[in-house]
Amino acid sequence: MAIAQAAPTGEPLPNDLVTYKEGVELFRDCPYPISESTLKRLVRAALKEQAAQGGDTGRHHVRTYRFPGSKPTLVSYTDLMELHRDWAAGQEPST
């Protein structure tokens, strides 16, 4: 599972937070639908790349959020769109 973190002090929360399931639903009708497991894998890879480069540097700036009393991990839809764009660039459109 992706690394969960609290919002850094002074940095506002993104206003487009979604769960992985919601993200999958938002991509469902596009020419490149994506599974929840693939979306999670892309987020994990982006977080791993960020950590290897010492923070919020790297190709994708991705953060995940989990709030007290809330089970699902939340991710910015904007971050997911960027990951999906790069992933879809190497895929064939579904028919």
C-alpha atoms as a PDB file:
ATOM      1  CA  MET A   1       0.000   0.000   0.000  1.00  0.00           C
ATOM      2  CA  ALA A   2       1.159   3.536  -0.640  1.00  0.00           C
ATOM      3  CA  ILE A   3       2.797   5.512   2.131  1.00  0.00           C
ATOM      4  CA  ALA A   4       0.241   7.532   4.093  1.00  0.00           C
ATOM      5  CA  GLN A   5       1.224  10.872   5.529  1.00  0.00           C
ATOM      6  CA  ALA A   6      -0.362  13.859   7.168  1.00  0.00           C
ATOM      7  CA  ALA A   7      -0.372  17.150   5.314  1.00  0.00           C
ATOM      8  CA  PRO A   8       2.845  19.059   5.982  1.00  0.00           C
ATOM      9  CA  THR A   9       2.457  22.067   8.227  1.00  0.00           C
ATOM     10  CA  GLY A  10       1.588  25.172   6.263  1.00  0.00           C
ATOM     11  CA  GLU A  11       0.760  23.290   3.065  1.00  0.00           C
ATOM     12  CA  PRO A  12      -2.950  23.222   2.239  1.00  0.00           C
ATOM     13  CA  LEU A  13      -4.599  19.925   1.396  1.00  0.00           C
ATOM     14  CA  PRO A  14      -5.415  19.388  -2.272  1.00  0.00           C
ATOM     15  CA  ASN A  15      -9.079  20.060  -2.986  1.00  0.00           C
ATOM     16  CA  ASP A  16      -9.389  17.098  -5.360  1.00  0.00           C
ATOM     17  CA  LEU A  17      -8.704  14.128  -3.057  1.00  0.00           C
ATOM     18  CA  VAL A  18     -10.185  10.814  -4.204  1.00  0.00           C
ATOM     19  CA  THR A  19      -9.871   7.171  -3.201  1.00  0.00           C
ATOM     20  CA  TYR A  20      -8.274   4.702  -5.598  1.00  0.00           C
ATOM     21  CA  LYS A  21     -11.734   3.281  -6.393  1.00  0.00           C
ATOM     22  CA  GLU A  22     -13.039   6.747  -7.233  1.00  0.00           C
ATOM     23  CA  GLY A  23     -10.005   7.334  -9.425  1.00  0.00           C
ATOM     24  CA  VAL A  24     -10.680   4.118 -11.333  1.00  0.00           C
ATOM     25  CA  GLU A  25     -14.300   5.189 -11.874  1.00  0.00           C
ATOM     26  CA  LEU A  26     -13.202   8.592 -13.178  1.00  0.00           C
ATOM     27  CA  PHE A  27     -10.950   6.894 -15.760  1.00  0.00           C
ATOM     28  CA  ARG A  28     -13.495   4.193 -16.652  1.00  0.00           C
ATOM     29  CA  ASP A  29     -14.965   5.917 -19.723  1.00  0.00           C
ATOM     30  CA  CYS A  30     -11.698   7.159 -21.198  1.00  0.00           C
ATOM     31  CA  PRO A  31      -9.973   5.268 -24.030  1.00  0.00           C
ATOM     32  CA  TYR A  32      -7.433   3.957 -21.485  1.00  0.00           C
ATOM     33  CA  PRO A  33      -9.300   2.538 -18.469  1.00  0.00           C
ATOM     34  CA  ILE A  34      -7.063   1.455 -15.614  1.00  0.00           C
ATOM     35  CA  SER A  35      -7.455  -1.058 -12.789  1.00  0.00           C
ATOM     36  CA  GLU A  36      -7.209  -0.180  -9.127  1.00  0.00           C
ATOM     37  CA  SER A  37      -4.153  -2.397  -8.699  1.00  0.00           C
ATOM     38  CA  THR A  38      -2.346  -0.677 -11.590  1.00  0.00           C
ATOM     39  CA  LEU A  39      -3.205   2.747 -10.191  1.00  0.00           C
ATOM     40  CA  LYS A  40      -1.828   1.746  -6.781  1.00  0.00           C
ATOM     41  CA  ARG A  41       1.307   0.342  -8.433  1.00  0.00           C
ATOM     42  CA  LEU A  42       1.886   3.635 -10.286  1.00  0.00           C
ATOM     43  CA  VAL A  43       1.502   5.629  -7.059  1.00  0.00           C
ATOM     44  CA  ARG A  44       3.875   3.304  -5.179  1.00  0.00           C
ATOM     45  CA  ALA A  45       6.460   3.617  -7.954  1.00  0.00           C
ATOM     46  CA  ALA A  46       6.188   7.422  -7.942  1.00  0.00           C
ATOM     47  CA  LEU A  47       6.528   7.553  -4.142  1.00  0.00           C
ATOM     48  CA  LYS A  48       9.534   5.228  -4.292  1.00  0.00           C
ATOM     49  CA  GLU A  49      11.155   7.431  -6.946  1.00  0.00           C
ATOM     50  CA  GLN A  50      10.536  10.527  -4.824  1.00  0.00           C
ATOM     51  CA  ALA A  51      12.034   8.878  -1.747  1.00  0.00           C
ATOM     52  CA  ALA A  52      15.103   7.756  -3.700  1.00  0.00           C
ATOM     53  CA  GLN A  53      15.666  11.333  -4.843  1.00  0.00           C
ATOM     54  CA  GLY A  54      15.290  12.771  -1.370  1.00  0.00           C
ATOM     55  CA  GLY A  55      11.782  14.173  -1.247  1.00  0.00           C
ATOM     56  CA  ASP A  56       9.340  15.836  -3.571  1.00  0.00           C
ATOM     57  CA  THR A  57      11.606  15.835  -6.579  1.00  0.00           C
ATOM     58  CA  GLY A  58      11.379  13.500  -9.501  1.00  0.00           C
ATOM     59  CA  ARG A  59       9.100  13.152 -12.443  1.00  0.00           C
ATOM     60  CA  HIS A  60       5.887  13.083 -10.410  1.00  0.00           C
ATOM     61  CA  HIS A  61       5.016  14.916  -7.227  1.00  0.00           C
ATOM     62  CA  VAL A  62       2.603  12.510  -5.535  1.00  0.00           C
ATOM     63  CA  ARG A  63       1.332  12.488  -1.974  1.00  0.00           C
ATOM     64  CA  THR A  64      -1.119  10.178  -0.301  1.00  0.00           C
ATOM     65  CA  TYR A  65      -3.281  11.073   2.686  1.00  0.00           C
ATOM     66  CA  ARG A  66      -4.986   9.082   5.383  1.00  0.00           C
ATOM     67  CA  PHE A  67      -6.993  10.783   8.098  1.00  0.00           C
ATOM     68  CA  PRO A  68      -7.695   9.514  11.638  1.00  0.00           C
ATOM     69  CA  GLY A  69     -10.794   7.335  11.624  1.00  0.00           C
ATOM     70  CA  SER A  70     -10.699   7.030   7.841  1.00  0.00           C
ATOM     71  CA  LYS A  71      -9.663   3.733   6.285  1.00  0.00           C
ATOM     72  CA  PRO A  72      -9.201   4.630   2.605  1.00  0.00           C
ATOM     73  CA  THR A  73      -6.054   6.274   1.347  1.00  0.00           C
ATOM     74  CA  LEU A  74      -6.709   9.478  -0.565  1.00  0.00           C
ATOM     75  CA  VAL A  75      -4.712  10.803  -3.511  1.00  0.00           C
ATOM     76  CA  SER A  76      -5.025  14.024  -5.489  1.00  0.00           C
ATOM     77  CA  TYR A  77      -6.953  13.395  -8.711  1.00  0.00           C
ATOM     78  CA  THR A  78      -4.540  15.761 -10.447  1.00  0.00           C
ATOM     79  CA  ASP A  79      -1.625  13.524  -9.394  1.00  0.00           C
ATOM     80  CA  LEU A  80      -3.513  10.467 -10.645  1.00  0.00           C
ATOM     81  CA  MET A  81      -4.212  12.153 -14.001  1.00  0.00           C
ATOM     82  CA  GLU A  82      -0.490  12.831 -14.494  1.00  0.00           C
ATOM     83  CA  LEU A  83       0.407   9.233 -13.644  1.00  0.00           C
ATOM     84  CA  HIS A  84      -2.392   7.931 -15.869  1.00  0.00           C
ATOM     85  CA  ARG A  85      -1.279  10.152 -18.769  1.00  0.00           C
ATOM     86  CA  ASP A  86       2.248   8.766 -18.681  1.00  0.00           C
ATOM     87  CA  TRP A  87       1.007   5.194 -18.247  1.00  0.00           C
ATOM     88  CA  ALA A  88      -1.499   5.536 -21.119  1.00  0.00           C
ATOM     89  CA  ALA A  89       1.200   6.880 -23.447  1.00  0.00           C
ATOM     90  CA  GLY A  90       2.574   3.343 -23.581  1.00  0.00           C
ATOM     91  CA  GLN A  91      -0.788   1.549 -23.966  1.00  0.00           C
ATOM     92  CA  GLU A  92      -3.103   0.667 -26.848  1.00  0.00           C
ATOM     93  CA  PRO A  93      -6.598   2.217 -26.618  1.00  0.00           C
ATOM     94  CA  SER A  94      -9.313  -0.166 -25.483  1.00  0.00           C
ATOM     95  CA  THR A  95     -12.187  -0.790 -27.871  1.00  0.00           C
END
